[in-house]
Structures are given as structure tokens and as C-alpha cells.
C-alpha atoms as a PDB file:
ATOM      1  CA  MET A   1       6.980 -12.374  -9.037  1.00  0.00           C
ATOM      2  CA  ARG A   2      10.722 -11.762  -8.567  1.00  0.00           C
ATOM      3  CA  VAL A   3      12.340  -9.310 -10.624  1.00  0.00           C
ATOM      4  CA  ALA A   4      16.875  -8.065 -10.406  1.00  0.00           C
ATOM      5  CA  VAL A   5      17.009  -4.981  -9.589  1.00  0.00           C
ATOM      6  CA  THR A   6      20.281  -3.917 -10.762  1.00  0.00           C
ATOM      7  CA  PHE A   7      21.808  -0.454  -9.102  1.00  0.00           C
ATOM      8  CA  GLY A   8      24.981   1.296  -7.767  1.00  0.00           C
ATOM      9  CA  ASN A   9      23.752   3.294  -5.048  1.00  0.00           C
ATOM     10  CA  GLU A  10      21.450   1.649  -2.885  1.00  0.00           C
ATOM     11  CA  ILE A  11      20.486   5.064  -1.266  1.00  0.00           C
ATOM     12  CA  ARG A  12      18.960   5.373  -4.124  1.00  0.00           C
ATOM     13  CA  VAL A  13      17.145   2.259  -4.934  1.00  0.00           C
ATOM     14  CA  GLY A  14      14.296   2.991  -2.659  1.00  0.00           C
ATOM     15  CA  PRO A  15      12.266   4.202  -4.710  1.00  0.00           C
ATOM     16  CA  TYR A  16      12.684   1.797  -7.190  1.00  0.00           C
ATOM     17  CA  GLU A  17      11.604  -0.512  -5.294  1.00  0.00           C
ATOM     18  CA  ASP A  18       8.463   1.253  -4.139  1.00  0.00           C
ATOM     19  CA  ALA A  19       7.194   1.167  -7.363  1.00  0.00           C
ATOM     20  CA  LEU A  20       7.553  -2.495  -7.524  1.00  0.00           C
ATOM     21  CA  ARG A  21       5.878  -3.081  -4.714  1.00  0.00           C
ATOM     22  CA  GLU A  22       2.834  -0.759  -6.199  1.00  0.00           C
ATOM     23  CA  ALA A  23       2.462  -3.614  -9.265  1.00  0.00           C
ATOM     24  CA  GLY A  24       2.780  -6.650  -7.162  1.00  0.00           C
ATOM     25  CA  ILE A  25       6.703  -7.401  -7.505  1.00  0.00           C
ATOM     26  CA  GLU A  26       9.506  -8.936  -4.899  1.00  0.00           C
ATOM     27  CA  SER A  27      13.069  -6.863  -6.187  1.00  0.00           C
ATOM     28  CA  VAL A  28      16.279  -9.295  -5.917  1.00  0.00           C
ATOM     29  CA  ARG A  29      18.901  -6.400  -5.394  1.00  0.00           C
ATOM     30  CA  ASN A  30      22.294  -7.304  -7.786  1.00  0.00           C
ATOM     31  CA  PRO A  31      22.064 -10.997  -8.607  1.00  0.00           C
ATOM     32  CA  GLU A  32      24.868 -12.422  -9.837  1.00  0.00           C
ATOM     33  CA  SER A  33      22.401 -14.354 -11.830  1.00  0.00           C
ATOM     34  CA  LEU A  34      19.200 -14.289 -13.716  1.00  0.00           C
ATOM     35  CA  PHE A  35      18.518 -17.923 -12.396  1.00  0.00           C
ATOM     36  CA  SER A  36      14.702 -18.424 -11.196  1.00  0.00           C
ATOM     37  CA  LEU A  37      13.876 -14.706 -11.176  1.00  0.00           C
ATOM     38  CA  ASP A  38      10.710 -13.224 -13.481  1.00  0.00           C
ATOM     39  CA  GLY A  39      12.207 -10.056 -14.518  1.00  0.00           C
ATOM     40  CA  LEU A  40      15.059  -7.751 -14.990  1.00  0.00           C
ATOM     41  CA  LEU A  41      14.765  -3.827 -14.028  1.00  0.00           C
ATOM     42  CA  LEU A  42      17.628  -1.870 -14.770  1.00  0.00           C
ATOM     43  CA  THR A  43      17.737   1.228 -12.569  1.00  0.00           C
ATOM     44  CA  GLY A  44      20.039   4.935 -13.042  1.00  0.00           C
ATOM     45  CA  GLY A  45      22.961   5.711 -11.878  1.00  0.00           C
ATOM     46  CA  THR A  46      26.465   6.968 -13.563  1.00  0.00           C
ATOM     47  CA  ASP A  47      27.538   7.003 -16.876  1.00  0.00           C
ATOM     48  CA  VAL A  48      28.201   3.599 -18.867  1.00  0.00           C
ATOM     49  CA  ASN A  49      31.979   3.159 -19.545  1.00  0.00           C
ATOM     50  CA  PRO A  50      32.430   4.838 -23.296  1.00  0.00           C
ATOM     51  CA  VAL A  51      35.093   1.555 -24.101  1.00  0.00           C
ATOM     52  CA  HIS A  52      31.831  -0.068 -24.349  1.00  0.00           C
ATOM     53  CA  TYR A  53      30.945   1.542 -27.125  1.00  0.00           C
ATOM     54  CA  GLY A  54      34.512   2.402 -28.741  1.00  0.00           C
ATOM     55  CA  GLN A  55      35.087   6.422 -27.711  1.00  0.00           C
ATOM     56  CA  GLY A  56      36.926   7.586 -24.814  1.00  0.00           C
ATOM     57  CA  ARG A  57      35.507   9.333 -22.122  1.00  0.00           C
ATOM     58  CA  LEU A  58      34.896  13.364 -22.455  1.00  0.00           C
ATOM     59  CA  ARG A  59      35.464  15.729 -19.960  1.00  0.00           C
ATOM     60  CA  ASP A  60      31.824  15.586 -18.973  1.00  0.00           C
ATOM     61  CA  SER A  61      31.548  12.424 -18.624  1.00  0.00           C
ATOM     62  CA  GLU A  62      30.940  10.909 -14.996  1.00  0.00           C
ATOM     63  CA  SER A  63      33.413   8.488 -13.882  1.00  0.00           C
ATOM     64  CA  PRO A  64      32.464   4.913 -14.634  1.00  0.00           C
ATOM     65  CA  ASP A  65      31.703   2.029 -12.156  1.00  0.00           C
ATOM     66  CA  ASP A  66      33.020  -0.748 -14.295  1.00  0.00           C
ATOM     67  CA  GLU A  67      31.893  -3.188 -11.932  1.00  0.00           C
ATOM     68  CA  ARG A  68      28.257  -2.419 -12.682  1.00  0.00           C
ATOM     69  CA  ASP A  69      28.678  -2.446 -16.140  1.00  0.00           C
ATOM     70  CA  ALA A  70      30.430  -5.515 -16.261  1.00  0.00           C
ATOM     71  CA  LEU A  71      27.302  -7.014 -14.415  1.00  0.00           C
ATOM     72  CA  GLU A  72      24.661  -5.386 -16.020  1.00  0.00           C
ATOM     73  CA  LEU A  73      26.068  -5.979 -19.613  1.00  0.00           C
ATOM     74  CA  ARG A  74      25.986  -9.712 -18.649  1.00  0.00           C
ATOM     75  CA  LEU A  75      22.190  -9.818 -17.075  1.00  0.00           C
ATOM     76  CA  VAL A  76      21.058  -7.857 -19.811  1.00  0.00           C
ATOM     77  CA  ARG A  77      22.250 -10.312 -22.651  1.00  0.00           C
ATOM     78  CA  GLU A  78      21.172 -13.432 -20.576  1.00  0.00           C
ATOM     79  CA  ALA A  79      18.022 -11.599 -20.084  1.00  0.00           C
ATOM     80  CA  LEU A  80      17.051 -10.852 -24.187  1.00  0.00           C
ATOM     81  CA  ALA A  81      19.060 -14.293 -24.983  1.00  0.00           C
ATOM     82  CA  ALA A  82      15.618 -16.057 -22.268  1.00  0.00           C
ATOM     83  CA  ASN A  83      13.480 -13.841 -24.083  1.00  0.00           C
ATOM     84  CA  LEU A  84      13.073 -12.275 -20.018  1.00  0.00           C
ATOM     85  CA  PRO A  85      10.941  -9.222 -20.056  1.00  0.00           C
ATOM     86  CA  VAL A  86      13.851  -6.355 -19.488  1.00  0.00           C
ATOM     87  CA  LEU A  87      12.220  -3.112 -18.175  1.00  0.00           C
ATOM     88  CA  GLY A  88      15.750  -0.077 -18.384  1.00  0.00           C
ATOM     89  CA  ILE A  89      15.449   3.554 -16.783  1.00  0.00           C
ATOM     90  CA  CYS A  90      17.768   6.052 -17.644  1.00  0.00           C
ATOM     91  CA  ARG A  91      20.648   4.890 -17.351  1.00  0.00           C
ATOM     92  CA  GLY A  92      19.008   1.576 -17.935  1.00  0.00           C
ATOM     93  CA  LEU A  93      18.261   2.788 -21.301  1.00  0.00           C
ATOM     94  CA  GLN A  94      21.463   3.493 -22.222  1.00  0.00           C
ATOM     95  CA  LEU A  95      23.194   0.398 -21.320  1.00  0.00           C
ATOM     96  CA  LEU A  96      20.553  -2.017 -23.337  1.00  0.00           C
ATOM     97  CA  ASN A  97      21.190   0.449 -26.136  1.00  0.00           C
ATOM     98  CA  VAL A  98      25.279  -0.496 -25.720  1.00  0.00           C
ATOM     99  CA  ALA A  99      24.617  -4.163 -24.987  1.00  0.00           C
ATOM    100  CA  LEU A 100      23.203  -4.470 -28.461  1.00  0.00           C
ATOM    101  CA  ASP A 101      26.286  -2.472 -30.110  1.00  0.00           C
ATOM    102  CA  GLY A 102      24.424   1.310 -30.448  1.00  0.00           C
ATOM    103  CA  SER A 103      26.288   4.106 -28.698  1.00  0.00           C
ATOM    104  CA  LEU A 104      25.772   7.615 -26.297  1.00  0.00           C
ATOM    105  CA  ILE A 105      25.861  10.966 -26.844  1.00  0.00           C
ATOM    106  CA  GLN A 106      28.358  11.346 -23.749  1.00  0.00           C
ATOM    107  CA  HIS A 107      26.771  15.124 -23.077  1.00  0.00           C
ATOM    108  CA  LEU A 108      23.972  16.765 -24.621  1.00  0.00           C
ATOM    109  CA  ALA A 109      24.116  20.612 -25.513  1.00  0.00           C
ATOM    110  CA  SER A 110      20.408  20.246 -24.456  1.00  0.00           C
ATOM    111  CA  THR A 111      21.389  19.344 -20.954  1.00  0.00           C
ATOM    112  CA  HIS A 112      19.487  21.938 -19.003  1.00  0.00           C
ATOM    113  CA  VAL A 113      16.430  21.025 -20.792  1.00  0.00           C
ATOM    114  CA  HIS A 114      16.909  17.344 -19.584  1.00  0.00           C
ATOM    115  CA  GLN A 115      18.692  17.320 -16.241  1.00  0.00           C
ATOM    116  CA  VAL A 116      16.506  18.794 -13.722  1.00  0.00           C
ATOM    117  CA  ARG A 117      16.606  17.890 -10.066  1.00  0.00           C
ATOM    118  CA  PRO A 118      13.511  19.031  -8.302  1.00  0.00           C
ATOM    119  CA  LYS A 119      14.291  19.979  -4.488  1.00  0.00           C
ATOM    120  CA  GLY A 120      11.863  18.591  -1.773  1.00  0.00           C
ATOM    121  CA  ALA A 121      10.138  16.332  -4.101  1.00  0.00           C
ATOM    122  CA  GLU A 122       8.948  13.163  -2.551  1.00  0.00           C
ATOM    123  CA  SER A 123       9.314   9.990  -3.875  1.00  0.00           C
ATOM    124  CA  GLY A 124       6.705   9.087  -6.201  1.00  0.00           C
ATOM    125  CA  TRP A 125       5.563  12.688  -6.365  1.00  0.00           C
ATOM    126  CA  HIS A 126       7.921  14.106  -8.507  1.00  0.00           C
ATOM    127  CA  PRO A 127       7.261  16.948 -11.210  1.00  0.00           C
ATOM    128  CA  ALA A 128       7.516  17.000 -14.937  1.00  0.00           C
ATOM    129  CA  ALA A 129       9.777  18.857 -16.453  1.00  0.00           C
ATOM    130  CA  HIS A 130       9.549  18.477 -20.353  1.00  0.00           C
ATOM    131  CA  GLN A 131       6.560  16.854 -23.074  1.00  0.00           C
ATOM    132  CA  ILE A 132       7.794  14.008 -25.209  1.00  0.00           C
ATOM    133  CA  ARG A 133       6.218  12.578 -28.135  1.00  0.00           C
ATOM    134  CA  VAL A 134       5.632   8.243 -27.693  1.00  0.00           C
ATOM    135  CA  GLU A 135       5.729   7.210 -31.660  1.00  0.00           C
ATOM    136  CA  PRO A 136       2.265   4.515 -32.667  1.00  0.00           C
ATOM    137  CA  ASN A 137       2.101   1.018 -33.214  1.00  0.00           C
ATOM    138  CA  THR A 138       4.907   0.595 -30.417  1.00  0.00           C
ATOM    139  CA  ARG A 139       5.008  -1.438 -27.286  1.00  0.00           C
ATOM    140  CA  LEU A 140       5.259   2.012 -25.401  1.00  0.00           C
ATOM    141  CA  ALA A 141       2.075   3.234 -27.187  1.00  0.00           C
ATOM    142  CA  GLU A 142       0.388  -0.263 -26.415  1.00  0.00           C
ATOM    143  CA  ILE A 143       0.998   0.532 -23.073  1.00  0.00           C
ATOM    144  CA  ILE A 144       0.493   4.566 -22.092  1.00  0.00           C
ATOM    145  CA  GLY A 145      -0.602   5.559 -25.516  1.00  0.00           C
ATOM    146  CA  ALA A 146       0.032   7.179 -28.579  1.00  0.00           C
ATOM    147  CA  GLY A 147       1.191  11.190 -28.524  1.00  0.00           C
ATOM    148  CA  GLU A 148       2.098  13.987 -26.345  1.00  0.00           C
ATOM    149  CA  HIS A 149       3.181  12.487 -22.391  1.00  0.00           C
ATOM    150  CA  GLU A 150       5.053  14.472 -19.786  1.00  0.00           C
ATOM    151  CA  VAL A 151       7.644  13.868 -17.763  1.00  0.00           C
ATOM    152  CA  ASN A 152      10.182  13.678 -15.070  1.00  0.00           C
ATOM    153  CA  SER A 153      14.333  14.566 -16.463  1.00  0.00           C
ATOM    154  CA  ARG A 154      17.595  13.948 -14.837  1.00  0.00           C
ATOM    155  CA  HIS A 155      19.875  12.693 -17.325  1.00  0.00           C
ATOM    156  CA  HIS A 156      23.219  14.643 -19.348  1.00  0.00           C
ATOM    157  CA  GLN A 157      23.684  11.423 -22.221  1.00  0.00           C
ATOM    158  CA  ALA A 158      21.405  10.034 -25.188  1.00  0.00           C
ATOM    159  CA  VAL A 159      21.320   7.064 -27.633  1.00  0.00           C
ATOM    160  CA  ASP A 160      23.013   8.086 -30.422  1.00  0.00           C
ATOM    161  CA  ARG A 161      23.274   5.248 -32.738  1.00  0.00           C
ATOM    162  CA  LEU A 162      20.914   3.064 -31.844  1.00  0.00           C
ATOM    163  CA  GLY A 163      21.814  -0.703 -31.262  1.00  0.00           C
ATOM    164  CA  ARG A 164      20.921  -3.614 -32.662  1.00  0.00           C
ATOM    165  CA  GLY A 165      16.926  -4.795 -33.481  1.00  0.00           C
ATOM    166  CA  LEU A 166      16.476  -1.969 -31.472  1.00  0.00           C
ATOM    167  CA  ILE A 167      13.210   0.500 -32.790  1.00  0.00           C
ATOM    168  CA  VAL A 168      12.724   4.526 -31.229  1.00  0.00           C
ATOM    169  CA  SER A 169       9.352   4.658 -29.040  1.00  0.00           C
ATOM    170  CA  GLY A 170       9.459   7.985 -27.970  1.00  0.00           C
ATOM    171  CA  VAL A 171      11.660  10.812 -28.481  1.00  0.00           C
ATOM    172  CA  SER A 172      11.357  14.756 -26.594  1.00  0.00           C
ATOM    173  CA  THR A 173      10.379  18.175 -28.599  1.00  0.00           C
ATOM    174  CA  ASP A 174      14.087  18.684 -28.804  1.00  0.00           C
ATOM    175  CA  GLY A 175      15.002  15.341 -30.610  1.00  0.00           C
ATOM    176  CA  VAL A 176      16.232  13.211 -27.545  1.00  0.00           C
ATOM    177  CA  ILE A 177      15.245   9.811 -27.813  1.00  0.00           C
ATOM    178  CA  GLU A 178      13.615   8.625 -24.454  1.00  0.00           C
ATOM    179  CA  ALA A 179      12.190   5.413 -25.129  1.00  0.00           C
ATOM    180  CA  ILE A 180      13.667   2.528 -27.110  1.00  0.00           C
ATOM    181  CA  GLU A 181      12.084  -0.988 -27.510  1.00  0.00           C
ATOM    182  CA  LYS A 182      13.397  -4.125 -29.267  1.00  0.00           C
ATOM    183  CA  PRO A 183      10.138  -5.900 -31.119  1.00  0.00           C
ATOM    184  CA  GLY A 184       9.675  -9.399 -31.333  1.00  0.00           C
ATOM    185  CA  ALA A 185      10.712  -9.947 -27.590  1.00  0.00           C
ATOM    186  CA  ALA A 186       8.247 -10.991 -24.535  1.00  0.00           C
ATOM    187  CA  PHE A 187       8.892  -7.453 -22.713  1.00  0.00           C
ATOM    188  CA  ALA A 188      12.613  -4.933 -23.850  1.00  0.00           C
ATOM    189  CA  VAL A 189      11.240  -1.508 -22.707  1.00  0.00           C
ATOM    190  CA  ALA A 190      13.224   0.934 -22.045  1.00  0.00           C
ATOM    191  CA  VAL A 191      13.065   4.722 -21.168  1.00  0.00           C
ATOM    192  CA  GLN A 192      14.962   7.816 -20.469  1.00  0.00           C
ATOM    193  CA  TRP A 193      12.668   9.744 -17.327  1.00  0.00           C
ATOM    194  CA  HIS A 194      12.408   7.903 -14.323  1.00  0.00           C
ATOM    195  CA  PRO A 195       8.538   7.061 -13.863  1.00  0.00           C
ATOM    196  CA  GLU A 196       9.174   5.749 -10.274  1.00  0.00           C
ATOM    197  CA  ASP A 197       9.378   8.980  -9.261  1.00  0.00           C
ATOM    198  CA  ARG A 198       5.940   9.720 -10.545  1.00  0.00           C
ATOM    199  CA  ILE A 199       3.437   6.662  -9.813  1.00  0.00           C
ATOM    200  CA  PHE A 200       1.805   9.148  -7.545  1.00  0.00           C
ATOM    201  CA  VAL A 201       1.234  11.702 -10.120  1.00  0.00           C
ATOM    202  CA  SER A 202       1.627   9.975 -13.306  1.00  0.00           C
ATOM    203  CA  GLU A 203      -0.890   7.375 -14.885  1.00  0.00           C
ATOM    204  CA  ALA A 204       0.938   6.327 -17.674  1.00  0.00           C
ATOM    205  CA  ASP A 205       3.757   5.647 -15.730  1.00  0.00           C
ATOM    206  CA  ARG A 206       2.157   3.590 -13.290  1.00  0.00           C
ATOM    207  CA  LYS A 207       0.769   1.635 -16.469  1.00  0.00           C
ATOM    208  CA  LEU A 208       4.599   0.974 -17.477  1.00  0.00           C
ATOM    209  CA  PHE A 209       4.760  -0.884 -14.009  1.00  0.00           C
ATOM    210  CA  THR A 210       1.960  -2.669 -14.403  1.00  0.00           C
ATOM    211  CA  ALA A 211       2.269  -3.611 -17.957  1.00  0.00           C
ATOM    212  CA  PHE A 212       6.143  -4.318 -16.900  1.00  0.00           C
ATOM    213  CA  SER A 213       3.936  -6.819 -14.132  1.00  0.00           C
ATOM    214  CA  GLU A 214       1.954  -8.528 -16.261  1.00  0.00           C
ATOM    215  CA  ALA A 215       4.760  -9.358 -19.064  1.00  0.00           C
ATOM    216  CA  MET A 216       6.542 -11.293 -16.019  1.00  0.00           C
ATOM    217  CA  ALA A 217       3.572 -13.209 -15.253  1.00  0.00           C
ATOM    218  CA  THR A 218       3.000 -14.199 -18.558  1.00  0.00           C
ATOM    219  CA  TYR A 219       6.777 -15.235 -18.066  1.00  0.00           C
ATOM    220  CA  SER A 220       6.479 -17.187 -15.571  1.00  0.00           C
ATOM    221  CA  ALA A 221       3.013 -18.623 -16.599  1.00  0.00           C
ATOM    222  CA  ASN A 222       5.179 -20.168 -19.599  1.00  0.00           C
ATOM    223  CA  ILE A 223       7.981 -21.946 -18.169  1.00  0.00           C
ATOM    224  CA  PRO A 224       8.385 -25.472 -18.347  1.00  0.00           C
ATOM    225  CA  PRO A 225       8.172 -27.495 -15.252  1.00  0.00           C
ATOM    226  CA  ASN A 226      11.458 -27.405 -13.244  1.00  0.00           C
ATOM    227  CA  VAL A 227      12.686 -25.163 -15.852  1.00  0.00           C
ATOM    228  CA  SER A 228      14.237 -21.711 -13.492  1.00  0.00           C
ATOM    229  CA  ALA A 229      13.143 -18.364 -15.067  1.00  0.00           C
ATOM    230  CA  GLY A 230      16.254 -16.745 -17.268  1.00  0.00           C
ATOM    231  CA  SER A 231      17.814 -20.144 -17.147  1.00  0.00           C
ATOM    232  CA  GLY A 232      17.634 -23.186 -19.518  1.00  0.00           C
ATOM    233  CA  LYS A 233      18.244 -24.898 -15.961  1.00  0.00           C
ATOM    234  CA  CYS A 234      16.929 -27.288 -14.007  1.00  0.00           C
ATOM    235  CA  SER A 235      15.401 -25.254 -10.464  1.00  0.00           C
ATOM    236  CA  PRO A 236      15.841 -26.352  -7.532  1.00  0.00           C
ATOM    237  CA  PHE A 237      12.907 -24.989  -6.656  1.00  0.00           C
ATOM    238  CA  PRO A 238       9.379 -26.809  -6.941  1.00  0.00           C
ATOM    239  CA  GLY A 239       7.250 -26.079  -9.460  1.00  0.00           C
ATOM    240  CA  ARG A 240       9.765 -23.844 -11.422  1.00  0.00           C
END
């Protein structure tokens, strides 16, 4: 299985690809389309340009990456239209929310709680930063279990107005939205923490990538012959 992996800084993409490989998934970096692919992973990174949710940039917001914003907004809308599995991580959660007409808090009052960068921690072995509560009767609860979970955290923005068709599936102890999903989609789940950095110390974070892999496998198995994943066009790949 092959997944589109979008990112802004090549140096930081390694842990995501390591986690994907552990789940049996091959990554395709920043593709221009989802043709022949089985899923979309939206990774972390710089803040989404607030122009996309009708706001001006505040002092605490990072300089935007407009080229990345444009690519990801186009790809996530393409993926949702095709019911292609989507996993959003950190910025990826925020991008998904914005793509569906939601808005963001540009700088959390509790940033000191949520922007915790461990020093010297190896990829896959990061410590937890705080707890979240996963809401029952959600896809996330089905994957990792409802109730309290420990997560890492390194963000200063969060969901404000929820996007169309989305629900909240996880919340931190101080009320910050930590996970969202799109009911009815094959797989459209996004988390505010970084599960790729805890796959060797957190069963829940491993399960998230496993569930994404399983959703991609189901999607791929249900594609009609000669039709490409993420596309209604005829595929040049035999059996696709």
C-alpha cells in the first residue's frame, strides 16, 4: 500500500515514514495528485495561513507556507471526495478542519502545556506531556479505546470553530480539542499530538497507524478493476 505524505521540512519527515513502515505502508512524498495511492497522511509543521479561515495573522502565528497550504487543501478535498482514508497529525488536524470551513485559535493561552519539546528523545520513544480524554462512540475510541490516554504535545494552535461534518473525538484536560473525525467517511481521523514519535512506548499510538493501514487495505480492495485509488480515471497500473 502506498500513501501520500505531505510535509514542509524534509528533515522532519523521517519519523512519520518510520511509523508508516512499521504498519506496512510505503510513503510517497508530496505528490501532486492522489492517483494510484491508497491514503493521505497530513503531517505536522508550520501554521496554516489564517487567510484560509477568514482571519489576519496575529503576532504569535508563524510565517505561512502558502505552497504547502495550497497542495494540502487540494489533496485533502480530493481525498474526502473519493472517500480515501485520511490521517491528520498536529498541523494535519488543523488543515483538515480548515479545509472543511473550520477556524483555528492562533495562539493558545495554555501554550506552555501543549508545546513541550523533549530534549534528546529518540524517534518513537518520546515521553508523554499531558492527558486527553477520548470520547466514547467515536472511531478514535474504536481504535485506541475511550477514556484517558497520555500523549505528547508540541503545538500552540488548536481548533476553534469545528469544520463541516466533523465531530470532536478527543479533548485535553484544559478543554483543548485534541482529536477530530468525520463520521461516515471510510477513515478521516486527525489527532493534535504526534503518535509517530511514540510508537515504541504507546500501544495506542501504534494502533492508530495500524487502523490507518487497515482502512487503506479495505479501500484498495474495493477499487473496481482498472480504476485508480483517489481518482475516477482509468489507471495505468494493471489491476488498479
